[in-house]
Structure formats: structure tokens, C-alpha cells
């Protein structure tokens, strides 16, 4: 195997891990996708994918980071979440990784709920905050998945056309 093929294989792995990272919170999803695309473009001498497309893909990557933060913050703020709820949502998401898809879906909710209860909120308000925080994370994840596929589509278009 020549070195260029190795670069392409590594780029593909980065892209696949990055796509998984749009759902798995422990991985920086779209930055990994972008890194893989940048590596593939570099390995191809920037002949198929040029600088302008890479700048666009980079801007979409930066946008994804903002979306991730804003969607969660807006969902939490809308329902009056405390800092403990946000910390709980992050911890719940990480713990949820160990419980598969159900854990990924319920972990942020349970974490935010527990954070609010520790903060001293009533169960009803804590449940509302848990749901709002969870919904913000879910919306952010859906938007990141959409951006990942948009980036893949743009990259493929630039590569083949």
C-alpha cells in the first residue's frame, strides 16, 4: 500500500468516526469529519477539492460548534435550568454512553433532572427543566447530523464534479 492510499484510508476513518461523533458526545464529530476531508483533499493534492470548498466546509464545522452550544443552552434557558442541570445533562450524557441508544436518549434528561433536584427545585419544575434540556440537546444533535450530511454531500460534489 502506498502512502497516498494510507492517507485516504485514514481520512475515511476520521470521517466515519466523526459522523458517529455527531451522536456520541465524547467525540468531536464534525471537526473530525472536517479533518478527514482536509486530509483527503491534501492527499489528492487539492486537485478535486480546492481551498474555497475547504473554507466552506470549515465554516460549516464552526457553525456546528455554535449550534451544539446554542441549542443546548437555549433549551435549558427556556425552561430556567440551573448550572447544576447543565452539568447533570453532560454527566448524564456521558453515563448514558454505557447504556447504548436508550442511555444516549435518556441520560441527558435524567442528568438534568437530578441536577435540578440537587439545586433544590420541586420535582415538577425539575422534570420540566430535564425535558427542556434534553430537547435542546436532541435538536442540536439533529442539526449536527444534517450538517454532517451536507458537508459530505458538498465534499462528494467537489470530488466527483
N, C-alpha and C. Protein backbone atom coordinates (compact mmCIF):
# COMPACT_ATOMS: atom_id res chain seq x y z
N UNK A 1 0.86 -1.19 0.00
CA UNK A 1 0.00 0.00 0.00
C UNK A 1 0.90 1.24 0.00
N UNK A 2 0.62 2.14 -0.90
CA UNK A 2 1.42 3.36 -0.94
C UNK A 2 0.91 4.37 0.09
N UNK A 3 1.69 5.40 0.31
CA UNK A 3 1.38 6.38 1.35
C UNK A 3 0.09 7.16 1.07
N UNK A 4 -0.18 7.45 -0.20
CA UNK A 4 -1.40 8.18 -0.54
C UNK A 4 -2.64 7.36 -0.17
N UNK A 5 -2.61 6.06 -0.45
CA UNK A 5 -3.72 5.19 -0.08
C UNK A 5 -3.90 5.17 1.43
N UNK A 6 -2.79 5.14 2.16
CA UNK A 6 -2.86 5.17 3.62
C UNK A 6 -3.53 6.46 4.10
N UNK A 7 -3.18 7.58 3.47
CA UNK A 7 -3.83 8.86 3.83
C UNK A 7 -5.34 8.81 3.56
N UNK A 8 -5.72 8.23 2.45
CA UNK A 8 -7.15 8.13 2.13
C UNK A 8 -7.89 7.23 3.12
N UNK A 9 -7.26 6.14 3.51
CA UNK A 9 -7.87 5.24 4.49
C UNK A 9 -8.02 5.97 5.83
N UNK A 10 -6.98 6.66 6.25
CA UNK A 10 -7.04 7.43 7.50
C UNK A 10 -8.12 8.52 7.41
N UNK A 11 -8.22 9.19 6.27
CA UNK A 11 -9.25 10.21 6.07
C UNK A 11 -10.64 9.60 6.19
N UNK A 12 -10.83 8.43 5.58
CA UNK A 12 -12.12 7.75 5.68
C UNK A 12 -12.46 7.38 7.10
N UNK A 13 -11.47 6.91 7.85
CA UNK A 13 -11.70 6.55 9.26
C UNK A 13 -12.08 7.79 10.06
N UNK A 14 -11.37 8.89 9.84
CA UNK A 14 -11.70 10.13 10.54
C UNK A 14 -13.14 10.57 10.24
N UNK A 15 -13.52 10.46 8.98
CA UNK A 15 -14.87 10.87 8.59
C UNK A 15 -15.91 9.97 9.25
N UNK A 16 -15.70 8.66 9.23
CA UNK A 16 -16.65 7.73 9.85
C UNK A 16 -16.76 7.95 11.36
N UNK A 17 -15.62 8.12 12.02
CA UNK A 17 -15.63 8.37 13.47
C UNK A 17 -16.32 9.71 13.74
N UNK A 18 -16.06 10.69 12.89
CA UNK A 18 -16.69 11.99 13.05
C UNK A 18 -18.20 11.94 12.90
N UNK A 19 -18.68 11.17 11.92
CA UNK A 19 -20.13 11.03 11.76
C UNK A 19 -20.73 10.38 13.01
N UNK A 20 -20.04 9.37 13.54
CA UNK A 20 -20.50 8.76 14.79
C UNK A 20 -20.48 9.79 15.92
N UNK A 21 -19.51 10.68 15.88
CA UNK A 21 -19.38 11.70 16.91
C UNK A 21 -20.47 12.76 16.89
N UNK A 22 -21.25 12.82 15.82
CA UNK A 22 -22.37 13.75 15.83
C UNK A 22 -23.45 13.29 16.80
N UNK A 23 -23.43 12.00 17.12
CA UNK A 23 -24.39 11.43 18.07
C UNK A 23 -23.73 11.13 19.41
N UNK A 24 -22.50 10.66 19.37
CA UNK A 24 -21.79 10.30 20.60
C UNK A 24 -21.10 11.54 21.17
N UNK A 25 -21.43 11.92 22.40
CA UNK A 25 -20.94 13.18 22.94
C UNK A 25 -19.44 13.20 23.26
N UNK A 26 -18.81 12.06 23.37
CA UNK A 26 -17.39 12.04 23.74
C UNK A 26 -16.48 12.37 22.56
N UNK A 27 -17.03 12.41 21.36
CA UNK A 27 -16.22 12.64 20.16
C UNK A 27 -16.57 13.99 19.53
N UNK A 28 -15.54 14.72 19.09
CA UNK A 28 -15.81 15.98 18.40
C UNK A 28 -16.21 15.70 16.95
N UNK A 29 -17.47 15.38 16.73
CA UNK A 29 -17.97 14.89 15.46
C UNK A 29 -17.55 15.63 14.21
N UNK A 30 -18.10 16.80 14.02
CA UNK A 30 -17.85 17.49 12.76
C UNK A 30 -16.42 18.00 12.61
N UNK A 31 -15.71 18.36 13.68
CA UNK A 31 -14.29 18.65 13.48
C UNK A 31 -13.51 17.43 12.96
N UNK A 32 -13.87 16.23 13.40
CA UNK A 32 -13.22 15.03 12.86
C UNK A 32 -13.59 14.81 11.39
N UNK A 33 -14.86 15.04 11.07
CA UNK A 33 -15.28 14.92 9.67
C UNK A 33 -14.47 15.90 8.82
N UNK A 34 -14.37 17.13 9.27
CA UNK A 34 -13.61 18.13 8.52
C UNK A 34 -12.13 17.73 8.41
N UNK A 35 -11.56 17.23 9.51
CA UNK A 35 -10.17 16.78 9.48
C UNK A 35 -9.95 15.69 8.44
N UNK A 36 -10.89 14.74 8.37
CA UNK A 36 -10.80 13.69 7.36
C UNK A 36 -10.90 14.23 5.95
N UNK A 37 -11.79 15.18 5.75
CA UNK A 37 -11.94 15.78 4.42
C UNK A 37 -10.70 16.58 4.03
N UNK A 38 -10.16 17.30 4.99
CA UNK A 38 -8.95 18.07 4.74
C UNK A 38 -7.79 17.13 4.38
N UNK A 39 -7.67 16.03 5.12
CA UNK A 39 -6.61 15.05 4.83
C UNK A 39 -6.79 14.45 3.43
N UNK A 40 -8.03 14.11 3.08
CA UNK A 40 -8.28 13.55 1.74
C UNK A 40 -7.96 14.57 0.65
N UNK A 41 -8.34 15.81 0.87
CA UNK A 41 -8.04 16.85 -0.12
C UNK A 41 -6.53 17.04 -0.25
N UNK A 42 -5.84 17.05 0.86
CA UNK A 42 -4.39 17.20 0.85
C UNK A 42 -3.73 16.02 0.15
N UNK A 43 -4.20 14.80 0.47
CA UNK A 43 -3.63 13.60 -0.16
C UNK A 43 -3.82 13.63 -1.67
N UNK A 44 -4.90 14.25 -2.13
CA UNK A 44 -5.16 14.37 -3.56
C UNK A 44 -4.55 15.61 -4.18
N UNK A 45 -3.70 16.30 -3.42
CA UNK A 45 -3.05 17.49 -3.95
C UNK A 45 -4.01 18.65 -4.17
N UNK A 46 -5.13 18.64 -3.50
CA UNK A 46 -6.16 19.69 -3.63
C UNK A 46 -6.68 19.81 -5.06
N UNK A 47 -6.53 18.75 -5.84
CA UNK A 47 -7.00 18.78 -7.23
C UNK A 47 -8.51 18.63 -7.32
N UNK A 48 -9.09 17.72 -6.55
CA UNK A 48 -10.53 17.52 -6.60
C UNK A 48 -11.27 18.50 -5.69
N UNK A 49 -10.72 18.74 -4.52
CA UNK A 49 -11.36 19.63 -3.55
C UNK A 49 -10.39 20.78 -3.29
N UNK A 50 -10.81 21.97 -3.67
CA UNK A 50 -9.94 23.12 -3.55
C UNK A 50 -10.12 23.90 -2.26
N UNK A 51 -9.38 24.96 -2.17
CA UNK A 51 -9.35 25.80 -0.97
C UNK A 51 -10.72 26.42 -0.68
N UNK A 52 -11.40 26.90 -1.70
CA UNK A 52 -12.71 27.54 -1.48
C UNK A 52 -13.70 26.56 -0.84
N UNK A 53 -13.72 25.31 -1.32
CA UNK A 53 -14.62 24.32 -0.74
C UNK A 53 -14.20 23.99 0.69
N UNK A 54 -12.91 23.91 0.93
CA UNK A 54 -12.44 23.63 2.29
C UNK A 54 -12.78 24.75 3.25
N UNK A 55 -12.72 25.98 2.78
CA UNK A 55 -13.12 27.11 3.62
C UNK A 55 -14.61 27.00 3.96
N UNK A 56 -15.43 26.68 2.97
CA UNK A 56 -16.86 26.49 3.21
C UNK A 56 -17.10 25.37 4.22
N UNK A 57 -16.42 24.24 4.04
CA UNK A 57 -16.56 23.12 4.97
C UNK A 57 -16.08 23.50 6.37
N UNK A 58 -15.02 24.30 6.44
CA UNK A 58 -14.53 24.78 7.73
C UNK A 58 -15.54 25.68 8.42
N UNK A 59 -16.19 26.54 7.64
CA UNK A 59 -17.22 27.42 8.21
C UNK A 59 -18.41 26.61 8.72
N UNK A 60 -18.78 25.57 7.99
CA UNK A 60 -19.86 24.70 8.46
C UNK A 60 -19.47 23.98 9.74
N UNK A 61 -18.20 23.64 9.86
CA UNK A 61 -17.72 23.00 11.08
C UNK A 61 -17.82 23.95 12.27
N UNK A 62 -17.39 25.18 12.07
CA UNK A 62 -17.50 26.19 13.13
C UNK A 62 -18.97 26.42 13.48
N UNK A 63 -19.83 26.48 12.47
CA UNK A 63 -21.26 26.63 12.70
C UNK A 63 -21.79 25.49 13.56
N UNK A 64 -21.32 24.27 13.30
CA UNK A 64 -21.79 23.12 14.07
C UNK A 64 -21.44 23.26 15.55
N UNK A 65 -20.27 23.81 15.84
CA UNK A 65 -19.89 24.00 17.25
C UNK A 65 -20.81 25.01 17.91
N UNK A 66 -21.15 26.06 17.19
CA UNK A 66 -22.09 27.05 17.72
C UNK A 66 -23.47 26.48 17.93
N UNK A 67 -23.92 25.67 16.97
CA UNK A 67 -25.24 25.05 17.07
C UNK A 67 -25.30 24.14 18.29
N UNK A 68 -24.26 23.36 18.49
CA UNK A 68 -24.23 22.44 19.61
C UNK A 68 -24.40 23.19 20.93
N UNK A 69 -23.66 24.26 21.09
CA UNK A 69 -23.72 25.05 22.31
C UNK A 69 -25.05 25.78 22.44
N UNK A 70 -25.48 26.46 21.37
CA UNK A 70 -26.69 27.27 21.43
C UNK A 70 -27.96 26.45 21.61
N UNK A 71 -28.06 25.33 20.93
CA UNK A 71 -29.28 24.52 21.05
C UNK A 71 -29.46 24.02 22.48
N UNK A 72 -28.38 23.55 23.07
CA UNK A 72 -28.46 23.08 24.45
C UNK A 72 -28.77 24.23 25.40
N UNK A 73 -28.04 25.34 25.23
CA UNK A 73 -28.23 26.49 26.12
C UNK A 73 -29.64 27.07 25.98
N UNK A 74 -30.14 27.16 24.75
CA UNK A 74 -31.48 27.72 24.55
C UNK A 74 -32.55 26.81 25.14
N UNK A 75 -32.39 25.50 24.94
CA UNK A 75 -33.36 24.57 25.53
C UNK A 75 -33.36 24.67 27.04
N UNK A 76 -32.18 24.77 27.63
CA UNK A 76 -32.07 24.85 29.08
C UNK A 76 -32.56 26.21 29.60
N UNK A 77 -32.17 27.28 28.92
CA UNK A 77 -32.56 28.61 29.37
C UNK A 77 -34.07 28.82 29.28
N UNK A 78 -34.64 28.28 28.23
CA UNK A 78 -36.09 28.45 28.01
C UNK A 78 -36.91 27.92 29.19
N UNK A 79 -36.39 26.90 29.86
CA UNK A 79 -37.12 26.31 30.98
C UNK A 79 -36.50 26.68 32.33
N UNK A 80 -35.54 27.60 32.33
CA UNK A 80 -34.96 28.09 33.57
C UNK A 80 -34.01 27.13 34.26
N UNK A 81 -33.20 26.43 33.50
CA UNK A 81 -32.27 25.46 34.07
C UNK A 81 -31.17 26.13 34.88
N UNK A 82 -30.77 25.46 35.94
CA UNK A 82 -29.63 25.92 36.73
C UNK A 82 -28.34 25.36 36.13
N UNK A 83 -27.21 25.85 36.63
CA UNK A 83 -25.92 25.29 36.18
C UNK A 83 -25.82 23.81 36.52
N UNK A 84 -26.38 23.44 37.66
CA UNK A 84 -26.35 22.02 38.05
C UNK A 84 -27.11 21.16 37.05
N UNK A 85 -28.17 21.70 36.47
CA UNK A 85 -28.92 20.94 35.46
C UNK A 85 -28.07 20.73 34.22
N UNK A 86 -27.33 21.77 33.82
CA UNK A 86 -26.47 21.64 32.64
C UNK A 86 -25.34 20.66 32.90
N UNK A 87 -24.73 20.74 34.07
CA UNK A 87 -23.68 19.79 34.43
C UNK A 87 -24.26 18.38 34.48
N UNK A 88 -25.44 18.27 35.05
CA UNK A 88 -26.11 16.96 35.13
C UNK A 88 -26.41 16.40 33.75
N UNK A 89 -26.80 17.26 32.83
CA UNK A 89 -27.09 16.79 31.47
C UNK A 89 -25.83 16.26 30.80
N UNK A 90 -24.71 16.93 31.01
CA UNK A 90 -23.44 16.47 30.43
C UNK A 90 -23.03 15.14 31.06
N UNK A 91 -23.10 15.06 32.39
CA UNK A 91 -22.75 13.82 33.08
C UNK A 91 -23.70 12.70 32.65
N UNK A 92 -24.98 13.00 32.57
CA UNK A 92 -25.96 12.01 32.15
C UNK A 92 -25.71 11.51 30.74
N UNK A 93 -25.26 12.40 29.88
CA UNK A 93 -24.96 12.02 28.50
C UNK A 93 -23.77 11.06 28.47
N UNK A 94 -22.74 11.38 29.23
CA UNK A 94 -21.54 10.52 29.26
C UNK A 94 -21.87 9.17 29.88
N UNK A 95 -22.60 9.16 30.97
CA UNK A 95 -23.00 7.90 31.60
C UNK A 95 -23.92 7.12 30.66
N UNK A 96 -24.77 7.83 29.96
CA UNK A 96 -25.69 7.19 29.02
C UNK A 96 -24.99 6.42 27.92
N UNK A 97 -23.76 6.81 27.60
CA UNK A 97 -22.98 6.09 26.58
C UNK A 97 -22.86 4.61 26.91
N UNK A 98 -22.78 4.29 28.19
CA UNK A 98 -22.59 2.91 28.62
C UNK A 98 -23.87 2.08 28.55
N UNK A 99 -24.98 2.73 28.24
CA UNK A 99 -26.26 2.04 28.19
C UNK A 99 -26.87 2.04 26.79
N UNK A 100 -26.03 2.28 25.79
CA UNK A 100 -26.48 2.18 24.41
C UNK A 100 -27.41 3.31 24.01
N UNK A 101 -28.19 3.07 22.96
CA UNK A 101 -29.08 4.11 22.44
C UNK A 101 -30.08 4.63 23.47
N UNK A 102 -30.61 3.74 24.30
CA UNK A 102 -31.56 4.19 25.33
C UNK A 102 -30.86 5.13 26.31
N UNK A 103 -29.64 4.79 26.67
CA UNK A 103 -28.87 5.65 27.58
C UNK A 103 -28.57 7.00 26.97
N UNK A 104 -28.26 7.01 25.67
CA UNK A 104 -27.99 8.28 25.00
C UNK A 104 -29.22 9.17 24.95
N UNK A 105 -30.38 8.55 24.83
CA UNK A 105 -31.62 9.33 24.78
C UNK A 105 -32.07 9.79 26.16
N UNK A 106 -31.91 8.94 27.16
CA UNK A 106 -32.44 9.27 28.49
C UNK A 106 -31.41 9.92 29.41
N UNK A 107 -30.11 9.68 29.16
CA UNK A 107 -29.06 10.19 30.04
C UNK A 107 -29.11 11.70 30.26
N UNK A 108 -29.20 12.51 29.20
CA UNK A 108 -29.24 13.96 29.42
C UNK A 108 -30.46 14.41 30.23
N UNK A 109 -31.60 13.77 29.97
CA UNK A 109 -32.81 14.11 30.72
C UNK A 109 -32.64 13.79 32.20
N UNK A 110 -32.20 12.56 32.48
CA UNK A 110 -32.04 12.13 33.87
C UNK A 110 -30.99 12.99 34.57
N UNK A 111 -29.89 13.28 33.88
CA UNK A 111 -28.85 14.11 34.47
C UNK A 111 -29.33 15.51 34.80
N UNK A 112 -30.06 16.13 33.88
CA UNK A 112 -30.59 17.47 34.14
C UNK A 112 -31.62 17.44 35.27
N UNK A 113 -32.44 16.42 35.28
CA UNK A 113 -33.44 16.26 36.34
C UNK A 113 -32.76 16.16 37.70
N UNK A 114 -31.76 15.31 37.80
CA UNK A 114 -31.04 15.14 39.07
C UNK A 114 -30.34 16.44 39.46
N UNK A 115 -29.74 17.12 38.48
CA UNK A 115 -29.09 18.40 38.76
C UNK A 115 -30.06 19.41 39.34
N UNK A 116 -31.24 19.47 38.79
CA UNK A 116 -32.26 20.41 39.30
C UNK A 116 -32.75 20.00 40.69
N UNK A 117 -32.90 18.72 40.91
CA UNK A 117 -33.31 18.26 42.25
C UNK A 117 -32.25 18.60 43.29
N UNK A 118 -30.98 18.43 42.94
CA UNK A 118 -29.90 18.80 43.85
C UNK A 118 -29.91 20.31 44.09
N UNK A 119 -30.26 21.06 43.05
CA UNK A 119 -30.36 22.51 43.16
C UNK A 119 -31.49 22.94 44.10
N UNK A 120 -32.39 22.02 44.37
CA UNK A 120 -33.48 22.31 45.31
C UNK A 120 -34.81 22.59 44.65
N UNK A 121 -34.95 22.28 43.39
CA UNK A 121 -36.22 22.51 42.70
C UNK A 121 -37.22 21.40 43.03
N UNK A 122 -38.47 21.74 42.86
CA UNK A 122 -39.54 20.74 43.02
C UNK A 122 -39.46 19.76 41.86
N UNK A 123 -40.02 18.57 42.06
CA UNK A 123 -39.96 17.51 41.05
C UNK A 123 -40.59 17.98 39.73
N UNK A 124 -41.70 18.68 39.82
CA UNK A 124 -42.38 19.13 38.60
C UNK A 124 -41.49 20.07 37.78
N UNK A 125 -40.90 21.07 38.45
CA UNK A 125 -40.02 22.02 37.75
C UNK A 125 -38.76 21.31 37.26
N UNK A 126 -38.22 20.41 38.08
CA UNK A 126 -37.01 19.67 37.68
C UNK A 126 -37.29 18.82 36.44
N UNK A 127 -38.47 18.21 36.38
CA UNK A 127 -38.84 17.40 35.21
C UNK A 127 -38.95 18.29 33.97
N UNK A 128 -39.55 19.44 34.16
CA UNK A 128 -39.67 20.39 33.04
C UNK A 128 -38.30 20.82 32.52
N UNK A 129 -37.40 21.12 33.44
CA UNK A 129 -36.04 21.52 33.07
C UNK A 129 -35.32 20.35 32.39
N UNK A 130 -35.48 19.15 32.94
CA UNK A 130 -34.86 17.97 32.33
C UNK A 130 -35.33 17.78 30.90
N UNK A 131 -36.62 17.93 30.68
CA UNK A 131 -37.17 17.77 29.33
C UNK A 131 -36.67 18.87 28.39
N UNK A 132 -36.67 20.11 28.86
CA UNK A 132 -36.22 21.22 28.02
C UNK A 132 -34.76 21.10 27.63
N UNK A 133 -33.94 20.70 28.59
CA UNK A 133 -32.52 20.50 28.32
C UNK A 133 -32.32 19.36 27.33
N UNK A 134 -33.03 18.27 27.56
CA UNK A 134 -32.95 17.10 26.67
C UNK A 134 -33.38 17.48 25.25
N UNK A 135 -34.46 18.25 25.15
CA UNK A 135 -34.96 18.66 23.84
C UNK A 135 -33.93 19.54 23.12
N UNK A 136 -33.27 20.43 23.86
CA UNK A 136 -32.22 21.25 23.26
C UNK A 136 -31.08 20.41 22.73
N UNK A 137 -30.66 19.41 23.49
CA UNK A 137 -29.59 18.51 23.05
C UNK A 137 -30.04 17.73 21.82
N UNK A 138 -31.27 17.25 21.83
CA UNK A 138 -31.79 16.49 20.69
C UNK A 138 -31.84 17.35 19.43
N UNK A 139 -32.32 18.57 19.54
CA UNK A 139 -32.38 19.47 18.38
C UNK A 139 -30.97 19.75 17.86
N UNK A 140 -30.04 19.99 18.78
CA UNK A 140 -28.65 20.22 18.38
C UNK A 140 -28.06 19.02 17.65
N UNK A 141 -28.36 17.83 18.13
CA UNK A 141 -27.85 16.61 17.50
C UNK A 141 -28.43 16.44 16.10
N UNK A 142 -29.71 16.66 15.96
CA UNK A 142 -30.36 16.55 14.65
C UNK A 142 -29.75 17.56 13.68
N UNK A 143 -29.53 18.78 14.13
CA UNK A 143 -28.93 19.79 13.27
C UNK A 143 -27.50 19.41 12.89
N UNK A 144 -26.73 18.86 13.84
CA UNK A 144 -25.36 18.43 13.53
C UNK A 144 -25.35 17.28 12.53
N UNK A 145 -26.28 16.37 12.65
CA UNK A 145 -26.37 15.27 11.68
C UNK A 145 -26.67 15.83 10.29
N UNK A 146 -27.59 16.79 10.23
CA UNK A 146 -27.89 17.43 8.96
C UNK A 146 -26.68 18.13 8.37
N UNK A 147 -25.92 18.84 9.22
CA UNK A 147 -24.70 19.50 8.74
C UNK A 147 -23.66 18.48 8.28
N UNK A 148 -23.56 17.35 8.99
CA UNK A 148 -22.60 16.31 8.59
C UNK A 148 -22.92 15.82 7.18
N UNK A 149 -24.18 15.54 6.92
CA UNK A 149 -24.55 15.05 5.59
C UNK A 149 -24.43 16.14 4.53
N UNK A 150 -24.68 17.39 4.90
CA UNK A 150 -24.47 18.49 3.96
C UNK A 150 -22.99 18.60 3.61
N UNK A 151 -22.14 18.48 4.61
CA UNK A 151 -20.70 18.55 4.37
C UNK A 151 -20.25 17.38 3.50
N UNK A 152 -20.75 16.19 3.79
CA UNK A 152 -20.40 15.02 2.97
C UNK A 152 -20.85 15.21 1.53
N UNK A 153 -22.05 15.75 1.35
CA UNK A 153 -22.58 15.99 0.01
C UNK A 153 -21.75 17.02 -0.74
N UNK A 154 -21.40 18.11 -0.08
CA UNK A 154 -20.56 19.14 -0.71
C UNK A 154 -19.19 18.58 -1.09
N UNK A 155 -18.62 17.81 -0.18
CA UNK A 155 -17.31 17.23 -0.43
C UNK A 155 -17.37 16.27 -1.62
N UNK A 156 -18.38 15.40 -1.62
CA UNK A 156 -18.53 14.45 -2.73
C UNK A 156 -18.76 15.18 -4.05
N UNK A 157 -19.57 16.22 -4.01
CA UNK A 157 -19.82 17.01 -5.23
C UNK A 157 -18.50 17.60 -5.76
N UNK A 158 -17.72 18.20 -4.86
CA UNK A 158 -16.45 18.80 -5.26
C UNK A 158 -15.48 17.73 -5.77
N UNK A 159 -15.50 16.55 -5.14
CA UNK A 159 -14.57 15.49 -5.51
C UNK A 159 -14.87 14.91 -6.89
N UNK A 160 -16.16 14.70 -7.15
CA UNK A 160 -16.53 13.99 -8.39
C UNK A 160 -16.92 14.91 -9.54
N UNK A 161 -17.21 16.16 -9.27
CA UNK A 161 -17.64 17.06 -10.34
C UNK A 161 -16.71 18.23 -10.37
